[in-house]
C-alpha atoms as a PDB file:
ATOM      1  CA  MET A   1      -6.904  22.202  -3.870  1.00  0.00           C
ATOM      2  CA  ILE A   2      -5.815  21.099  -0.440  1.00  0.00           C
ATOM      3  CA  GLU A   3      -2.391  22.034   0.820  1.00  0.00           C
ATOM      4  CA  TYR A   4      -0.718  19.325   2.829  1.00  0.00           C
ATOM      5  CA  SER A   5       1.193  20.080   6.009  1.00  0.00           C
ATOM      6  CA  LEU A   6       2.469  17.541   8.478  1.00  0.00           C
ATOM      7  CA  GLY A   7       2.828  19.688  11.570  1.00  0.00           C
ATOM      8  CA  THR A   8       5.625  18.132  13.612  1.00  0.00           C
ATOM      9  CA  LEU A   9       7.803  16.949  10.717  1.00  0.00           C
ATOM     10  CA  PRO A  10       9.497  19.981   9.147  1.00  0.00           C
ATOM     11  CA  PHE A  11       9.581  20.471   5.395  1.00  0.00           C
ATOM     12  CA  ARG A  12      12.375  22.520   3.824  1.00  0.00           C
ATOM     13  CA  ASP A  13      11.459  25.629   1.852  1.00  0.00           C
ATOM     14  CA  GLY A  14      10.068  24.766  -1.532  1.00  0.00           C
ATOM     15  CA  VAL A  15       8.848  21.265  -0.618  1.00  0.00           C
ATOM     16  CA  VAL A  16       5.197  22.138  -1.152  1.00  0.00           C
ATOM     17  CA  PHE A  17       2.522  20.033  -2.785  1.00  0.00           C
ATOM     18  CA  LEU A  18      -1.212  20.163  -3.302  1.00  0.00           C
ATOM     19  CA  PHE A  19      -3.699  17.368  -3.866  1.00  0.00           C
ATOM     20  CA  PRO A  20      -6.399  18.003  -6.482  1.00  0.00           C
ATOM     21  CA  ASN A  21      -9.871  17.471  -5.058  1.00  0.00           C
ATOM     22  CA  HIS A  22     -12.009  17.402  -8.222  1.00  0.00           C
ATOM     23  CA  LEU A  23     -11.797  13.636  -8.857  1.00  0.00           C
ATOM     24  CA  CYS A  24     -11.551  10.455  -6.803  1.00  0.00           C
ATOM     25  CA  CYS A  25      -7.903   9.508  -6.406  1.00  0.00           C
ATOM     26  CA  ASN A  26      -8.758   5.834  -6.975  1.00  0.00           C
ATOM     27  CA  CYS A  27     -11.486   5.492  -9.623  1.00  0.00           C
ATOM     28  CA  GLY A  28     -11.562   9.004 -11.095  1.00  0.00           C
ATOM     29  CA  LYS A  29     -15.233   9.687 -10.316  1.00  0.00           C
ATOM     30  CA  THR A  30     -15.969  13.432 -10.214  1.00  0.00           C
ATOM     31  CA  THR A  31     -19.159  13.545  -8.108  1.00  0.00           C
ATOM     32  CA  ASP A  32     -20.052  12.891  -4.459  1.00  0.00           C
ATOM     33  CA  LEU A  33     -16.453  13.159  -3.192  1.00  0.00           C
ATOM     34  CA  THR A  34     -15.260  13.307   0.404  1.00  0.00           C
ATOM     35  CA  THR A  35     -11.791  14.266   1.605  1.00  0.00           C
ATOM     36  CA  ILE A  36     -10.326  11.525   3.777  1.00  0.00           C
ATOM     37  CA  ALA A  37      -6.999  11.724   5.598  1.00  0.00           C
ATOM     38  CA  GLN A  38      -5.307   8.616   4.215  1.00  0.00           C
ATOM     39  CA  ASP A  39      -2.944   7.235   6.870  1.00  0.00           C
ATOM     40  CA  THR A  40       0.122   6.640   4.678  1.00  0.00           C
ATOM     41  CA  ARG A  41       3.236   5.167   6.220  1.00  0.00           C
ATOM     42  CA  ARG A  42       6.780   5.376   4.951  1.00  0.00           C
ATOM     43  CA  THR A  43       9.230   2.961   6.560  1.00  0.00           C
ATOM     44  CA  THR A  44      12.968   3.301   6.070  1.00  0.00           C
ATOM     45  CA  TYR A  45      15.066   0.330   7.108  1.00  0.00           C
ATOM     46  CA  MET A  46      18.634   0.632   8.331  1.00  0.00           C
ATOM     47  CA  VAL A  47      21.117  -2.038   9.382  1.00  0.00           C
ATOM     48  CA  GLY A  48      19.345  -3.394  12.467  1.00  0.00           C
ATOM     49  CA  ALA A  49      16.352  -1.145  12.764  1.00  0.00           C
ATOM     50  CA  GLY A  50      14.152   1.252  10.911  1.00  0.00           C
ATOM     51  CA  THR A  51      12.066   4.380  11.198  1.00  0.00           C
ATOM     52  CA  GLU A  52       8.444   4.846  10.278  1.00  0.00           C
ATOM     53  CA  ILE A  53       6.833   8.166   9.449  1.00  0.00           C
ATOM     54  CA  THR A  54       3.076   8.498   9.188  1.00  0.00           C
ATOM     55  CA  PHE A  55       1.604  11.006   6.763  1.00  0.00           C
ATOM     56  CA  LYS A  56      -2.061  11.992   6.828  1.00  0.00           C
ATOM     57  CA  LEU A  57      -2.668  12.743   3.159  1.00  0.00           C
ATOM     58  CA  PRO A  58      -5.966  14.618   2.541  1.00  0.00           C
ATOM     59  CA  LEU A  59      -7.245  12.819  -0.542  1.00  0.00           C
ATOM     60  CA  PRO A  60     -10.605  12.870  -2.342  1.00  0.00           C
ATOM     61  CA  PHE A  61     -12.522   9.570  -2.387  1.00  0.00           C
ATOM     62  CA  CYS A  62     -15.960   8.654  -3.668  1.00  0.00           C
ATOM     63  CA  LYS A  63     -18.140   6.559  -1.348  1.00  0.00           C
ATOM     64  CA  ASP A  64     -17.283   3.322  -3.214  1.00  0.00           C
ATOM     65  CA  CYS A  65     -13.525   3.912  -2.914  1.00  0.00           C
ATOM     66  CA  ALA A  66     -13.515   5.277   0.667  1.00  0.00           C
ATOM     67  CA  PRO A  67     -12.684   1.852   2.204  1.00  0.00           C
ATOM     68  CA  THR A  68      -9.460   1.722   0.146  1.00  0.00           C
ATOM     69  CA  ALA A  69      -8.100   4.684   2.132  1.00  0.00           C
ATOM     70  CA  THR A  70      -7.551   2.402   5.138  1.00  0.00           C
ATOM     71  CA  ARG A  71      -6.157  -0.657   3.336  1.00  0.00           C
ATOM     72  CA  ARG A  72      -2.393  -0.538   3.469  1.00  0.00           C
ATOM     73  CA  PRO A  73      -0.650  -2.370   0.635  1.00  0.00           C
ATOM     74  CA  LYS A  74       0.935  -5.694   1.480  1.00  0.00           C
ATOM     75  CA  SER A  75       4.687  -5.923   1.093  1.00  0.00           C
ATOM     76  CA  LEU A  76       6.664  -8.960   0.025  1.00  0.00           C
ATOM     77  CA  LEU A  77       7.414  -9.590   3.704  1.00  0.00           C
ATOM     78  CA  ASN A  78       3.667  -9.531   4.525  1.00  0.00           C
ATOM     79  CA  TRP A  79       2.866 -12.000   1.746  1.00  0.00           C
ATOM     80  CA  SER A  80       5.788 -14.215   2.823  1.00  0.00           C
ATOM     81  CA  LEU A  81       4.501 -14.332   6.399  1.00  0.00           C
ATOM     82  CA  ILE A  82       0.980 -15.096   5.165  1.00  0.00           C
ATOM     83  CA  PHE A  83       2.358 -17.937   3.024  1.00  0.00           C
ATOM     84  CA  ILE A  84       4.399 -19.363   5.921  1.00  0.00           C
ATOM     85  CA  GLY A  85       1.365 -19.165   8.231  1.00  0.00           C
ATOM     86  CA  THR A  86      -0.934 -20.870   5.746  1.00  0.00           C
ATOM     87  CA  PHE A  87       1.742 -23.507   5.059  1.00  0.00           C
ATOM     88  CA  ALA A  88       2.031 -24.260   8.791  1.00  0.00           C
ATOM     89  CA  ALA A  89      -1.756 -24.389   9.212  1.00  0.00           C
ATOM     90  CA  SER A  90      -2.103 -26.635   6.142  1.00  0.00           C
ATOM     91  CA  ALA A  91       0.619 -28.976   7.377  1.00  0.00           C
ATOM     92  CA  LEU A  92      -0.996 -29.200  10.808  1.00  0.00           C
ATOM     93  CA  ALA A  93      -4.423 -29.868   9.291  1.00  0.00           C
ATOM     94  CA  LEU A  94      -2.973 -32.563   7.038  1.00  0.00           C
ATOM     95  CA  ILE A  95      -1.203 -34.214   9.968  1.00  0.00           C
ATOM     96  CA  ILE A  96      -4.421 -34.258  11.984  1.00  0.00           C
ATOM     97  CA  ILE A  97      -6.481 -35.529   9.053  1.00  0.00           C
ATOM     98  CA  GLY A  98      -3.842 -38.065   7.992  1.00  0.00           C
ATOM     99  CA  ASP A  99      -3.276 -39.526  11.460  1.00  0.00           C
ATOM    100  CA  MET A 100      -6.622 -39.284  13.158  1.00  0.00           C
ATOM    101  CA  VAL A 101      -9.176 -39.423  10.365  1.00  0.00           C
ATOM    102  CA  LEU A 102      -7.789 -41.256   7.363  1.00  0.00           C
ATOM    103  CA  ASN A 103      -4.780 -43.034   8.870  1.00  0.00           C
ATOM    104  CA  SER A 104      -3.070 -42.478   5.510  1.00  0.00           C
ATOM    105  CA  ALA A 105       0.593 -43.148   4.771  1.00  0.00           C
ATOM    106  CA  LEU A 106       0.218 -41.203   1.510  1.00  0.00           C
ATOM    107  CA  ILE A 107      -0.429 -37.937   3.358  1.00  0.00           C
ATOM    108  CA  ALA A 108       2.531 -38.590   5.655  1.00  0.00           C
ATOM    109  CA  ARG A 109       4.813 -39.318   2.687  1.00  0.00           C
ATOM    110  CA  TYR A 110       3.794 -36.222   0.711  1.00  0.00           C
ATOM    111  CA  LEU A 111       3.013 -33.866   3.593  1.00  0.00           C
ATOM    112  CA  VAL A 112       5.292 -31.028   2.458  1.00  0.00           C
ATOM    113  CA  PRO A 113       4.166 -30.934  -1.208  1.00  0.00           C
ATOM    114  CA  PHE A 114       0.489 -31.158  -0.183  1.00  0.00           C
ATOM    115  CA  ALA A 115       0.926 -28.384   2.403  1.00  0.00           C
ATOM    116  CA  LEU A 116       2.802 -26.208  -0.122  1.00  0.00           C
ATOM    117  CA  ALA A 117       0.027 -26.692  -2.680  1.00  0.00           C
ATOM    118  CA  LEU A 118      -2.692 -25.826  -0.146  1.00  0.00           C
ATOM    119  CA  ALA A 119      -0.760 -22.734   1.008  1.00  0.00           C
ATOM    120  CA  ALA A 120      -0.253 -21.618  -2.605  1.00  0.00           C
ATOM    121  CA  LEU A 121      -3.976 -22.064  -3.332  1.00  0.00           C
ATOM    122  CA  ALA A 122      -4.939 -20.147  -0.194  1.00  0.00           C
ATOM    123  CA  CYS A 123      -2.586 -17.265  -1.054  1.00  0.00           C
ATOM    124  CA  ALA A 124      -3.830 -17.207  -4.648  1.00  0.00           C
ATOM    125  CA  GLY A 125      -7.367 -16.956  -3.290  1.00  0.00           C
ATOM    126  CA  MET A 126      -6.348 -14.044  -1.053  1.00  0.00           C
ATOM    127  CA  VAL A 127      -4.749 -12.256  -4.002  1.00  0.00           C
ATOM    128  CA  ALA A 128      -7.902 -12.817  -6.066  1.00  0.00           C
ATOM    129  CA  LEU A 129     -10.001 -11.257  -3.292  1.00  0.00           C
ATOM    130  CA  THR A 130      -7.811  -8.131  -3.324  1.00  0.00           C
ATOM    131  CA  ARG A 131      -8.526  -7.206  -6.954  1.00  0.00           C
ATOM    132  CA  PRO A 132      -9.909  -3.706  -7.568  1.00  0.00           C
ATOM    133  CA  LYS A 133     -13.694  -3.540  -7.946  1.00  0.00           C
ATOM    134  CA  GLY A 134     -15.425  -1.719 -10.801  1.00  0.00           C
ATOM    135  CA  LYS A 135     -13.419   1.269 -12.021  1.00  0.00           C
ATOM    136  CA  GLN A 136     -11.064   1.259  -9.035  1.00  0.00           C
ATOM    137  CA  THR A 137      -7.382   1.247  -9.893  1.00  0.00           C
ATOM    138  CA  SER A 138      -6.323  -0.248  -6.550  1.00  0.00           C
ATOM    139  CA  TYR A 139      -7.849  -2.404  -3.828  1.00  0.00           C
ATOM    140  CA  PHE A 140      -5.327  -0.866  -1.436  1.00  0.00           C
ATOM    141  CA  GLN A 141      -4.370   2.768  -0.800  1.00  0.00           C
ATOM    142  CA  PRO A 142      -4.152   4.459  -4.211  1.00  0.00           C
ATOM    143  CA  VAL A 143      -1.511   7.041  -3.208  1.00  0.00           C
ATOM    144  CA  ARG A 144       1.821   5.970  -1.764  1.00  0.00           C
ATOM    145  CA  ILE A 145       5.148   7.525  -0.807  1.00  0.00           C
ATOM    146  CA  PRO A 146       7.923   5.396  -2.336  1.00  0.00           C
ATOM    147  CA  ARG A 147      10.653   8.029  -1.938  1.00  0.00           C
ATOM    148  CA  LEU A 148      11.501  10.390   0.885  1.00  0.00           C
ATOM    149  CA  LYS A 149      14.686  12.391   1.333  1.00  0.00           C
ATOM    150  CA  GLN A 150      15.461  13.847   4.739  1.00  0.00           C
ATOM    151  CA  GLU A 151      18.283  15.719   6.377  1.00  0.00           C
ATOM    152  CA  PHE A 152      20.193  13.370   8.640  1.00  0.00           C
ATOM    153  CA  VAL A 153      20.290  15.404  11.853  1.00  0.00           C
ATOM    154  CA  SER A 154      17.073  17.452  11.773  1.00  0.00           C
ATOM    155  CA  GLY A 155      14.936  14.931   9.876  1.00  0.00           C
ATOM    156  CA  ALA A 156      13.526  17.739   7.726  1.00  0.00           C
ATOM    157  CA  VAL A 157      12.035  16.566   4.438  1.00  0.00           C
ATOM    158  CA  THR A 158      14.063  17.862   1.485  1.00  0.00           C
ATOM    159  CA  ALA A 159      12.225  15.918  -1.247  1.00  0.00           C
ATOM    160  CA  ILE A 160       9.246  13.582  -1.451  1.00  0.00           C
ATOM    161  CA  GLY A 161       8.037  11.161  -4.103  1.00  0.00           C
ATOM    162  CA  PHE A 162       4.476   9.987  -4.698  1.00  0.00           C
ATOM    163  CA  SER A 163       3.047   7.119  -6.689  1.00  0.00           C
ATOM    164  CA  PHE A 164      -0.543   6.983  -7.874  1.00  0.00           C
ATOM    165  CA  SER A 165      -2.538   3.992  -9.065  1.00  0.00           C
ATOM    166  CA  ASN A 166      -4.890   6.292 -11.027  1.00  0.00           C
ATOM    167  CA  LEU A 167      -3.172   7.839 -14.064  1.00  0.00           C
ATOM    168  CA  ALA A 168      -5.758  10.646 -14.402  1.00  0.00           C
ATOM    169  CA  TYR A 169      -5.216  11.662 -10.771  1.00  0.00           C
ATOM    170  CA  ALA A 170      -1.428  11.511 -11.250  1.00  0.00           C
ATOM    171  CA  LYS A 171      -1.734  13.875 -14.239  1.00  0.00           C
ATOM    172  CA  ALA A 172      -3.920  16.285 -12.216  1.00  0.00           C
ATOM    173  CA  PHE A 173      -1.371  16.161  -9.358  1.00  0.00           C
ATOM    174  CA  ALA A 174       1.479  16.846 -11.784  1.00  0.00           C
ATOM    175  CA  LEU A 175      -0.399  19.806 -13.241  1.00  0.00           C
ATOM    176  CA  VAL A 176      -1.000  21.567  -9.925  1.00  0.00           C
ATOM    177  CA  ASN A 177       2.495  20.766  -8.612  1.00  0.00           C
ATOM    178  CA  ARG A 178       4.511  21.441 -11.774  1.00  0.00           C
ATOM    179  CA  GLU A 179       6.735  24.030 -10.039  1.00  0.00           C
ATOM    180  CA  SER A 180       7.819  21.675  -7.229  1.00  0.00           C
ATOM    181  CA  ILE A 181       8.211  18.826  -9.734  1.00  0.00           C
ATOM    182  CA  ALA A 182      10.403  20.989 -11.996  1.00  0.00           C
ATOM    183  CA  LYS A 183      12.647  21.726  -8.996  1.00  0.00           C
ATOM    184  CA  LYS A 184      12.753  17.957  -8.241  1.00  0.00           C
ATOM    185  CA  LEU A 185      11.427  18.552  -4.725  1.00  0.00           C
ATOM    186  CA  VAL A 186       8.360  16.463  -5.530  1.00  0.00           C
ATOM    187  CA  THR A 187       8.554  13.434  -7.829  1.00  0.00           C
ATOM    188  CA  LEU A 188       6.028  11.054  -9.396  1.00  0.00           C
ATOM    189  CA  GLU A 189       6.429   7.324  -9.898  1.00  0.00           C
ATOM    190  CA  ALA A 190       4.192   4.658 -11.370  1.00  0.00           C
ATOM    191  CA  VAL A 191       2.626   2.093  -9.034  1.00  0.00           C
END
């Protein structure tokens, strides 16, 4: 077991959690494991701004799953920006091809639907490339922090919630942290 401590961010008494280190937190493999400090970020948005806290979670990974420790999950905003960028690039490419190469009125007339279709295909291709490989449960970071409660003035953590893509690892985490979970200082959520 590895006890997690953040250092500069204070945790209130009782907010203690351990990460099991006997199986890969992504695929569940039990041999040839390495502990990697997964750079996990928790962003809280307020009315015109937000705060971001970085946690270095010491998690066990096998060599095949080690690259997933650095892949942050894409949010809806990320995917929206990717779609808008690919739409703009598709529209520009169609304009160039339609005017300079083909001199086609059809492309000019249906520029927006063609560009939307190309952007949708490109995004679908990107999603297909981010599928888990083999027994992996996530292409991205397998452990996330969807919930964080802090005191307003001091910023001290009073409760923290984790989500795991690997059900076996979530059960092992729940077993070693049953006391903190019973006190509702640590919570589990499904990915």
